[in-house]
Amino acid sequence: MAVIAAVALSMVAAGCSSGGGGASPTASGSALPTGTVQITSTTGTVLVRVQIAETEAARERGLMGVRHLAPDAGMAFVFPRPTDDSFWMKDTLIPLSIAFWGSGGRIVGIREMLPCHVTSCPLYSPGVEYVGAVEANRGFFAAHGVQQGDPILLRRS
């Protein structure tokens, strides 16, 4: 997963995480904190094992270069304050879904994202401020009945 875009390019990176549990390394080899994202949908509780990108550098790197993401794995992006920055998929190798959450602990938007290997990549944003986002394999949220408005909680390991 690679990072934010256009003029404000210095923000978030949308990429891919290596599948597996615990403190699995990112594509760059450095370990990130881990945890679980819990989403309560109309079909039940959905869990995603995540690496947590909470620094600007980790958010910019995201899941770039990751070739495989386990079915229940992803990356959570945590911001120090509400933001309206966009994600892009520059140099990301696998298609992803992203769910953004607001300060009220509810999903404020879900987008489907495709890898991009050119300079001018599409931008993905919920269109409102958010404090965090979680990326998983493309279609993950739809397959689990996750929708805008669902409660979401990040728990650190």
N, C-alpha and C. Protein backbone atom coordinates (compact mmCIF):
# COMPACT_ATOMS: atom_id res chain seq x y z
N MET A 1 0.83 -1.16 0.00
CA MET A 1 0.00 0.00 0.00
C MET A 1 0.88 1.23 0.00
N ALA A 2 0.64 2.20 -0.83
CA ALA A 2 1.50 3.36 -0.92
C ALA A 2 0.83 4.58 -0.36
N VAL A 3 1.40 5.68 -0.41
CA VAL A 3 0.99 6.84 0.37
C VAL A 3 0.18 7.88 -0.36
N ILE A 4 0.00 8.95 0.31
CA ILE A 4 -0.87 10.00 -0.15
C ILE A 4 -0.40 10.68 -1.41
N ALA A 5 -1.24 11.61 -1.82
CA ALA A 5 -1.05 12.02 -3.16
C ALA A 5 -0.76 13.46 -3.38
N ALA A 6 -0.76 13.74 -4.66
CA ALA A 6 -0.63 15.04 -5.27
C ALA A 6 0.22 15.98 -4.47
N VAL A 7 -0.30 17.15 -4.20
CA VAL A 7 0.48 18.16 -3.52
C VAL A 7 0.77 17.75 -2.09
N ALA A 8 -0.15 17.06 -1.47
CA ALA A 8 0.02 16.63 -0.09
C ALA A 8 0.60 15.24 -0.03
N LEU A 9 1.43 14.90 -0.97
CA LEU A 9 1.96 13.55 -1.10
C LEU A 9 2.69 13.02 0.09
N SER A 10 2.97 13.80 1.05
CA SER A 10 3.82 13.34 2.13
C SER A 10 3.10 12.54 3.19
N MET A 11 1.88 12.10 2.97
CA MET A 11 1.12 11.52 4.06
C MET A 11 1.13 10.01 4.12
N VAL A 12 0.13 9.39 3.57
CA VAL A 12 -0.15 7.99 3.82
C VAL A 12 0.31 7.07 2.71
N ALA A 13 0.73 5.90 3.04
CA ALA A 13 1.11 4.98 1.99
C ALA A 13 0.19 3.78 1.99
N ALA A 14 -0.26 3.42 0.86
CA ALA A 14 -1.11 2.25 0.76
C ALA A 14 -0.28 1.14 0.18
N GLY A 15 -0.15 0.03 0.87
CA GLY A 15 0.68 -1.03 0.38
C GLY A 15 0.17 -2.35 0.83
N CYS A 16 1.07 -3.31 0.90
CA CYS A 16 0.68 -4.65 1.29
C CYS A 16 1.55 -5.15 2.40
N SER A 17 1.01 -6.01 3.22
CA SER A 17 1.75 -6.57 4.33
C SER A 17 2.02 -8.03 4.06
N SER A 18 3.12 -8.53 4.57
CA SER A 18 3.36 -9.94 4.38
C SER A 18 2.35 -10.70 5.21
N GLY A 19 1.83 -11.76 4.66
CA GLY A 19 0.86 -12.56 5.38
C GLY A 19 1.54 -13.23 6.55
N GLY A 20 0.76 -13.64 7.51
CA GLY A 20 1.33 -14.25 8.69
C GLY A 20 0.99 -13.43 9.89
N GLY A 21 1.23 -13.96 11.03
CA GLY A 21 0.79 -13.27 12.25
C GLY A 21 1.91 -12.55 12.92
N GLY A 22 1.58 -11.99 14.04
CA GLY A 22 2.56 -11.35 14.88
C GLY A 22 3.27 -10.22 14.21
N ALA A 23 4.53 -10.05 14.56
CA ALA A 23 5.31 -8.93 14.06
C ALA A 23 5.97 -9.27 12.74
N SER A 24 5.16 -9.54 11.74
CA SER A 24 5.75 -9.86 10.44
C SER A 24 6.36 -8.62 9.84
N PRO A 25 7.51 -8.75 9.19
CA PRO A 25 8.18 -7.58 8.65
C PRO A 25 7.46 -7.01 7.45
N THR A 26 7.64 -5.72 7.22
CA THR A 26 7.12 -5.09 6.02
C THR A 26 8.06 -5.43 4.88
N ALA A 27 7.75 -4.94 3.70
CA ALA A 27 8.59 -5.21 2.54
C ALA A 27 10.02 -4.72 2.77
N SER A 28 10.18 -3.69 3.59
CA SER A 28 11.52 -3.16 3.84
C SER A 28 12.27 -3.96 4.89
N GLY A 29 11.58 -4.90 5.58
CA GLY A 29 12.24 -5.73 6.55
C GLY A 29 12.13 -5.24 7.98
N SER A 30 11.64 -4.04 8.21
CA SER A 30 11.53 -3.55 9.58
C SER A 30 10.20 -3.97 10.17
N ALA A 31 10.24 -4.37 11.44
CA ALA A 31 9.03 -4.82 12.11
C ALA A 31 8.23 -3.62 12.59
N LEU A 32 6.92 -3.73 12.48
CA LEU A 32 6.00 -2.70 12.97
C LEU A 32 5.20 -3.27 14.13
N PRO A 33 4.62 -2.40 14.95
CA PRO A 33 3.72 -2.91 16.00
C PRO A 33 2.57 -3.68 15.35
N THR A 34 2.00 -4.60 16.09
CA THR A 34 0.90 -5.41 15.56
C THR A 34 -0.34 -5.27 16.43
N GLY A 35 -1.43 -5.74 15.90
CA GLY A 35 -2.68 -5.71 16.65
C GLY A 35 -3.79 -6.36 15.85
N THR A 36 -5.01 -6.07 16.27
CA THR A 36 -6.20 -6.60 15.61
C THR A 36 -7.21 -5.49 15.43
N VAL A 37 -7.78 -5.42 14.25
CA VAL A 37 -8.90 -4.53 14.00
C VAL A 37 -10.16 -5.37 14.12
N GLN A 38 -11.09 -4.91 14.95
CA GLN A 38 -12.37 -5.59 15.13
C GLN A 38 -13.48 -4.71 14.58
N ILE A 39 -14.25 -5.26 13.66
CA ILE A 39 -15.37 -4.54 13.06
C ILE A 39 -16.64 -5.32 13.37
N THR A 40 -17.65 -4.61 13.84
CA THR A 40 -18.93 -5.25 14.11
C THR A 40 -19.87 -4.92 12.96
N SER A 41 -20.13 -5.93 12.11
CA SER A 41 -21.01 -5.73 10.96
C SER A 41 -22.36 -6.39 11.25
N THR A 42 -23.30 -6.22 10.34
CA THR A 42 -24.61 -6.84 10.52
C THR A 42 -24.53 -8.35 10.45
N THR A 43 -23.44 -8.88 9.90
CA THR A 43 -23.29 -10.34 9.79
C THR A 43 -22.43 -10.92 10.92
N GLY A 44 -21.90 -10.08 11.81
CA GLY A 44 -21.09 -10.57 12.93
C GLY A 44 -19.82 -9.79 13.11
N THR A 45 -18.93 -10.33 13.91
CA THR A 45 -17.66 -9.69 14.21
C THR A 45 -16.61 -10.11 13.19
N VAL A 46 -15.93 -9.12 12.64
CA VAL A 46 -14.89 -9.35 11.64
C VAL A 46 -13.56 -8.95 12.26
N LEU A 47 -12.56 -9.82 12.19
CA LEU A 47 -11.24 -9.55 12.74
C LEU A 47 -10.20 -9.51 11.62
N VAL A 48 -9.32 -8.51 11.69
CA VAL A 48 -8.21 -8.40 10.75
C VAL A 48 -6.94 -8.27 11.57
N ARG A 49 -6.00 -9.18 11.38
CA ARG A 49 -4.68 -9.08 12.02
C ARG A 49 -3.88 -8.04 11.26
N VAL A 50 -3.34 -7.06 11.98
CA VAL A 50 -2.69 -5.95 11.28
C VAL A 50 -1.32 -5.62 11.82
N GLN A 51 -0.51 -5.06 10.94
CA GLN A 51 0.67 -4.31 11.32
C GLN A 51 0.16 -2.88 11.46
N ILE A 52 0.74 -2.12 12.38
CA ILE A 52 0.26 -0.77 12.63
C ILE A 52 1.29 0.24 12.16
N ALA A 53 0.89 1.05 11.19
CA ALA A 53 1.73 2.12 10.65
C ALA A 53 1.31 3.41 11.35
N GLU A 54 2.12 3.84 12.32
CA GLU A 54 1.75 5.03 13.10
C GLU A 54 2.76 6.16 12.99
N THR A 55 3.82 5.94 12.24
CA THR A 55 4.76 7.03 11.97
C THR A 55 4.58 7.46 10.52
N GLU A 56 5.01 8.66 10.20
CA GLU A 56 4.89 9.13 8.82
C GLU A 56 5.63 8.20 7.86
N ALA A 57 6.82 7.77 8.25
CA ALA A 57 7.61 6.88 7.38
C ALA A 57 6.88 5.56 7.15
N ALA A 58 6.32 4.98 8.20
CA ALA A 58 5.61 3.70 8.07
C ALA A 58 4.35 3.88 7.23
N ARG A 59 3.65 4.98 7.42
CA ARG A 59 2.44 5.23 6.62
C ARG A 59 2.81 5.42 5.15
N GLU A 60 3.90 6.12 4.86
CA GLU A 60 4.32 6.33 3.48
C GLU A 60 4.73 5.02 2.81
N ARG A 61 5.37 4.14 3.53
CA ARG A 61 5.83 2.86 2.98
C ARG A 61 4.65 1.90 2.83
N GLY A 62 3.77 1.88 3.84
CA GLY A 62 2.59 1.03 3.79
C GLY A 62 2.91 -0.39 3.37
N LEU A 63 2.14 -0.90 2.45
CA LEU A 63 2.31 -2.27 1.97
C LEU A 63 3.01 -2.34 0.62
N MET A 64 3.77 -1.30 0.29
CA MET A 64 4.51 -1.29 -0.97
C MET A 64 5.42 -2.51 -1.05
N GLY A 65 5.44 -3.13 -2.20
CA GLY A 65 6.35 -4.24 -2.43
C GLY A 65 5.90 -5.58 -1.87
N VAL A 66 4.83 -5.63 -1.13
CA VAL A 66 4.34 -6.89 -0.57
C VAL A 66 3.64 -7.67 -1.69
N ARG A 67 4.00 -8.93 -1.83
CA ARG A 67 3.46 -9.75 -2.92
C ARG A 67 2.26 -10.58 -2.50
N HIS A 68 2.07 -10.78 -1.21
CA HIS A 68 0.97 -11.64 -0.73
C HIS A 68 0.51 -11.13 0.63
N LEU A 69 -0.78 -11.16 0.85
CA LEU A 69 -1.38 -10.77 2.12
C LEU A 69 -2.30 -11.91 2.54
N ALA A 70 -2.11 -12.46 3.73
CA ALA A 70 -2.97 -13.54 4.21
C ALA A 70 -4.43 -13.08 4.19
N PRO A 71 -5.37 -14.00 4.06
CA PRO A 71 -6.79 -13.64 3.94
C PRO A 71 -7.33 -12.78 5.08
N ASP A 72 -6.80 -12.95 6.28
CA ASP A 72 -7.30 -12.19 7.44
C ASP A 72 -6.29 -11.15 7.93
N ALA A 73 -5.36 -10.75 7.07
CA ALA A 73 -4.31 -9.82 7.47
C ALA A 73 -4.44 -8.50 6.73
N GLY A 74 -3.80 -7.48 7.30
CA GLY A 74 -3.81 -6.18 6.67
C GLY A 74 -2.88 -5.21 7.37
N MET A 75 -3.10 -3.94 7.12
CA MET A 75 -2.31 -2.89 7.76
C MET A 75 -3.25 -1.80 8.23
N ALA A 76 -3.04 -1.35 9.47
CA ALA A 76 -3.80 -0.23 10.02
C ALA A 76 -2.91 1.01 9.98
N PHE A 77 -3.48 2.11 9.54
CA PHE A 77 -2.80 3.39 9.47
C PHE A 77 -3.42 4.29 10.53
N VAL A 78 -2.61 4.75 11.47
CA VAL A 78 -3.10 5.58 12.56
C VAL A 78 -2.48 6.97 12.43
N PHE A 79 -3.31 8.00 12.57
CA PHE A 79 -2.87 9.38 12.41
C PHE A 79 -2.94 10.11 13.75
N PRO A 80 -2.03 11.06 13.97
CA PRO A 80 -1.99 11.78 15.25
C PRO A 80 -3.17 12.74 15.44
N ARG A 81 -3.84 13.09 14.36
CA ARG A 81 -5.00 13.99 14.42
C ARG A 81 -5.86 13.73 13.19
N PRO A 82 -7.12 14.16 13.21
CA PRO A 82 -7.98 13.95 12.04
C PRO A 82 -7.34 14.50 10.77
N THR A 83 -7.53 13.79 9.67
CA THR A 83 -6.95 14.17 8.39
C THR A 83 -7.96 13.92 7.27
N ASP A 84 -7.76 14.54 6.15
CA ASP A 84 -8.56 14.26 4.96
C ASP A 84 -7.66 13.88 3.80
N ASP A 85 -6.44 13.46 4.11
CA ASP A 85 -5.47 13.06 3.10
C ASP A 85 -5.98 11.86 2.30
N SER A 86 -5.45 11.73 1.10
CA SER A 86 -5.79 10.62 0.22
C SER A 86 -4.69 9.57 0.20
N PHE A 87 -5.07 8.35 -0.10
CA PHE A 87 -4.12 7.25 -0.29
C PHE A 87 -3.94 7.06 -1.79
N TRP A 88 -2.80 6.50 -2.17
CA TRP A 88 -2.61 6.07 -3.55
C TRP A 88 -1.90 4.74 -3.52
N MET A 89 -1.82 4.08 -4.66
CA MET A 89 -1.30 2.72 -4.72
C MET A 89 0.00 2.63 -5.52
N LYS A 90 0.77 3.71 -5.56
CA LYS A 90 2.03 3.72 -6.29
C LYS A 90 2.94 2.62 -5.77
N ASP A 91 3.42 1.79 -6.68
CA ASP A 91 4.34 0.68 -6.39
C ASP A 91 3.77 -0.37 -5.44
N THR A 92 2.45 -0.44 -5.33
CA THR A 92 1.80 -1.50 -4.58
C THR A 92 1.52 -2.64 -5.56
N LEU A 93 1.75 -3.87 -5.13
CA LEU A 93 1.71 -4.99 -6.05
C LEU A 93 0.39 -5.74 -6.08
N ILE A 94 -0.44 -5.61 -5.03
CA ILE A 94 -1.69 -6.37 -4.98
C ILE A 94 -2.87 -5.42 -4.80
N PRO A 95 -4.05 -5.79 -5.31
CA PRO A 95 -5.24 -4.95 -5.12
C PRO A 95 -5.71 -5.00 -3.67
N LEU A 96 -6.20 -3.87 -3.18
CA LEU A 96 -6.59 -3.76 -1.78
C LEU A 96 -7.93 -3.07 -1.60
N SER A 97 -8.54 -3.32 -0.47
CA SER A 97 -9.70 -2.55 -0.01
C SER A 97 -9.23 -1.75 1.19
N ILE A 98 -9.81 -0.57 1.37
CA ILE A 98 -9.46 0.27 2.51
C ILE A 98 -10.74 0.76 3.17
N ALA A 99 -10.78 0.66 4.49
CA ALA A 99 -11.89 1.19 5.28
C ALA A 99 -11.31 2.29 6.17
N PHE A 100 -11.89 3.47 6.08
CA PHE A 100 -11.47 4.63 6.88
C PHE A 100 -12.39 4.74 8.09
N TRP A 101 -11.82 5.10 9.28
CA TRP A 101 -12.69 5.32 10.42
C TRP A 101 -12.47 6.71 11.02
N GLY A 102 -13.55 7.24 11.56
CA GLY A 102 -13.52 8.57 12.16
C GLY A 102 -13.27 8.53 13.65
N SER A 103 -13.19 9.70 14.25
CA SER A 103 -12.90 9.81 15.68
C SER A 103 -14.00 9.18 16.53
N GLY A 104 -15.18 8.97 15.99
CA GLY A 104 -16.27 8.33 16.72
C GLY A 104 -16.20 6.81 16.71
N GLY A 105 -15.15 6.24 16.09
CA GLY A 105 -14.99 4.79 16.08
C GLY A 105 -15.93 4.07 15.13
N ARG A 106 -16.32 4.74 14.05
CA ARG A 106 -17.18 4.12 13.04
C ARG A 106 -16.57 4.33 11.65
N ILE A 107 -16.84 3.38 10.77
CA ILE A 107 -16.32 3.46 9.41
C ILE A 107 -17.01 4.61 8.68
N VAL A 108 -16.20 5.48 8.09
CA VAL A 108 -16.73 6.64 7.37
C VAL A 108 -16.61 6.49 5.85
N GLY A 109 -15.98 5.43 5.39
CA GLY A 109 -15.86 5.19 3.96
C GLY A 109 -15.08 3.93 3.67
N ILE A 110 -15.41 3.29 2.56
CA ILE A 110 -14.70 2.09 2.10
C ILE A 110 -14.42 2.28 0.62
N ARG A 111 -13.20 2.00 0.19
CA ARG A 111 -12.82 2.13 -1.22
C ARG A 111 -12.09 0.87 -1.67
N GLU A 112 -12.21 0.56 -2.96
CA GLU A 112 -11.48 -0.53 -3.59
C GLU A 112 -10.34 0.10 -4.38
N MET A 113 -9.12 -0.44 -4.22
CA MET A 113 -7.93 0.17 -4.82
C MET A 113 -7.16 -0.85 -5.67
N LEU A 114 -6.64 -0.36 -6.79
CA LEU A 114 -5.86 -1.20 -7.69
C LEU A 114 -4.40 -0.77 -7.69
N PRO A 115 -3.47 -1.71 -7.89
CA PRO A 115 -2.05 -1.36 -7.98
C PRO A 115 -1.82 -0.32 -9.06
N CYS A 116 -0.78 0.48 -8.89
CA CYS A 116 -0.45 1.52 -9.86
C CYS A 116 1.06 1.56 -10.04
N HIS A 117 1.49 1.55 -11.29
CA HIS A 117 2.92 1.54 -11.59
C HIS A 117 3.32 2.68 -12.51
N VAL A 118 2.55 3.76 -12.48
CA VAL A 118 2.86 4.95 -13.26
C VAL A 118 2.98 6.14 -12.30
N THR A 119 3.37 7.28 -12.81
CA THR A 119 3.56 8.46 -11.96
C THR A 119 2.24 9.06 -11.48
N SER A 120 1.24 9.08 -12.33
CA SER A 120 -0.04 9.70 -12.00
C SER A 120 -1.05 8.63 -11.60
N CYS A 121 -1.09 8.29 -10.30
CA CYS A 121 -1.98 7.25 -9.80
C CYS A 121 -3.28 7.86 -9.26
N PRO A 122 -4.39 7.10 -9.32
CA PRO A 122 -5.64 7.57 -8.73
C PRO A 122 -5.49 7.76 -7.21
N LEU A 123 -6.29 8.65 -6.66
CA LEU A 123 -6.29 8.91 -5.22
C LEU A 123 -7.55 8.32 -4.61
N TYR A 124 -7.43 7.83 -3.38
CA TYR A 124 -8.55 7.21 -2.68
C TYR A 124 -8.75 7.90 -1.34
N SER A 125 -9.95 8.37 -1.10
CA SER A 125 -10.27 9.11 0.12
C SER A 125 -11.73 8.87 0.45
N PRO A 126 -12.10 8.97 1.74
CA PRO A 126 -13.51 8.83 2.09
C PRO A 126 -14.30 10.11 1.83
N GLY A 127 -13.62 11.22 1.56
CA GLY A 127 -14.29 12.48 1.33
C GLY A 127 -14.65 13.24 2.60
N VAL A 128 -14.25 12.70 3.75
CA VAL A 128 -14.46 13.35 5.05
C VAL A 128 -13.20 13.11 5.89
N GLU A 129 -13.08 13.82 7.00
CA GLU A 129 -11.94 13.59 7.89
C GLU A 129 -12.03 12.21 8.53
N TYR A 130 -10.86 11.64 8.80
CA TYR A 130 -10.77 10.34 9.45
C TYR A 130 -9.53 10.33 10.34
N VAL A 131 -9.45 9.35 11.25
CA VAL A 131 -8.29 9.24 12.14
C VAL A 131 -7.50 7.95 11.91
N GLY A 132 -8.07 7.03 11.15
CA GLY A 132 -7.39 5.78 10.88
C GLY A 132 -7.97 5.11 9.66
N ALA A 133 -7.22 4.14 9.15
CA ALA A 133 -7.66 3.37 8.00
C ALA A 133 -7.07 1.97 8.12
N VAL A 134 -7.76 1.01 7.55
CA VAL A 134 -7.25 -0.35 7.53
C VAL A 134 -7.35 -0.88 6.11
N GLU A 135 -6.24 -1.46 5.65
CA GLU A 135 -6.20 -2.06 4.33
C GLU A 135 -6.19 -3.58 4.47
N ALA A 136 -6.89 -4.24 3.55
CA ALA A 136 -6.94 -5.70 3.48
C ALA A 136 -7.03 -6.06 2.00
N ASN A 137 -7.01 -7.34 1.72
CA ASN A 137 -7.14 -7.79 0.33
C ASN A 137 -8.41 -7.21 -0.29
N ARG A 138 -8.33 -6.91 -1.58
CA ARG A 138 -9.47 -6.32 -2.29
C ARG A 138 -10.70 -7.21 -2.16
N GLY A 139 -11.83 -6.60 -1.80
CA GLY A 139 -13.08 -7.31 -1.63
C GLY A 139 -13.33 -7.84 -0.23
N PHE A 140 -12.34 -7.71 0.66
CA PHE A 140 -12.45 -8.26 2.01
C PHE A 140 -13.67 -7.71 2.75
N PHE A 141 -13.82 -6.39 2.74
CA PHE A 141 -14.90 -5.79 3.53
C PHE A 141 -16.27 -6.16 2.97
N ALA A 142 -16.43 -6.15 1.66
CA ALA A 142 -17.70 -6.55 1.04
C ALA A 142 -18.02 -8.01 1.34
N ALA A 143 -17.01 -8.87 1.26
CA ALA A 143 -17.21 -10.30 1.51
C ALA A 143 -17.64 -10.58 2.95
N HIS A 144 -17.31 -9.67 3.87
CA HIS A 144 -17.65 -9.86 5.28
C HIS A 144 -18.80 -8.96 5.72
N GLY A 145 -19.49 -8.35 4.78
CA GLY A 145 -20.66 -7.54 5.11
C GLY A 145 -20.35 -6.24 5.83
N VAL A 146 -19.11 -5.77 5.74
CA VAL A 146 -18.71 -4.53 6.41
C VAL A 146 -19.21 -3.35 5.59
N GLN A 147 -19.82 -2.37 6.29
CA GLN A 147 -20.40 -1.21 5.62
C GLN A 147 -20.04 0.07 6.35
N GLN A 148 -20.21 1.18 5.65
CA GLN A 148 -20.05 2.49 6.27
C GLN A 148 -20.99 2.56 7.47
N GLY A 149 -20.48 3.12 8.59
CA GLY A 149 -21.26 3.23 9.81
C GLY A 149 -21.00 2.13 10.82
N ASP A 150 -20.39 1.03 10.38
CA ASP A 150 -20.09 -0.07 11.31
C ASP A 150 -19.05 0.36 12.34
N PRO A 151 -19.21 -0.09 13.59
CA PRO A 151 -18.20 0.21 14.63
C PRO A 151 -16.89 -0.52 14.33
N ILE A 152 -15.78 0.15 14.64
CA ILE A 152 -14.46 -0.42 14.39
C ILE A 152 -13.55 -0.08 15.58
N LEU A 153 -12.70 -1.05 15.94
CA LEU A 153 -11.82 -0.87 17.09
C LEU A 153 -10.45 -1.48 16.78
N LEU A 154 -9.40 -0.71 17.01
CA LEU A 154 -8.03 -1.21 16.85
C LEU A 154 -7.50 -1.59 18.22
N ARG A 155 -7.08 -2.84 18.36
CA ARG A 155 -6.46 -3.31 19.60
C ARG A 155 -5.01 -3.66 19.31
N ARG A 156 -4.12 -3.12 20.11
CA ARG A 156 -2.69 -3.40 19.94
C ARG A 156 -2.33 -4.69 20.65
N SER A 157 -1.37 -5.44 20.08
CA SER A 157 -0.91 -6.69 20.68
C SER A 157 -0.03 -6.41 21.87
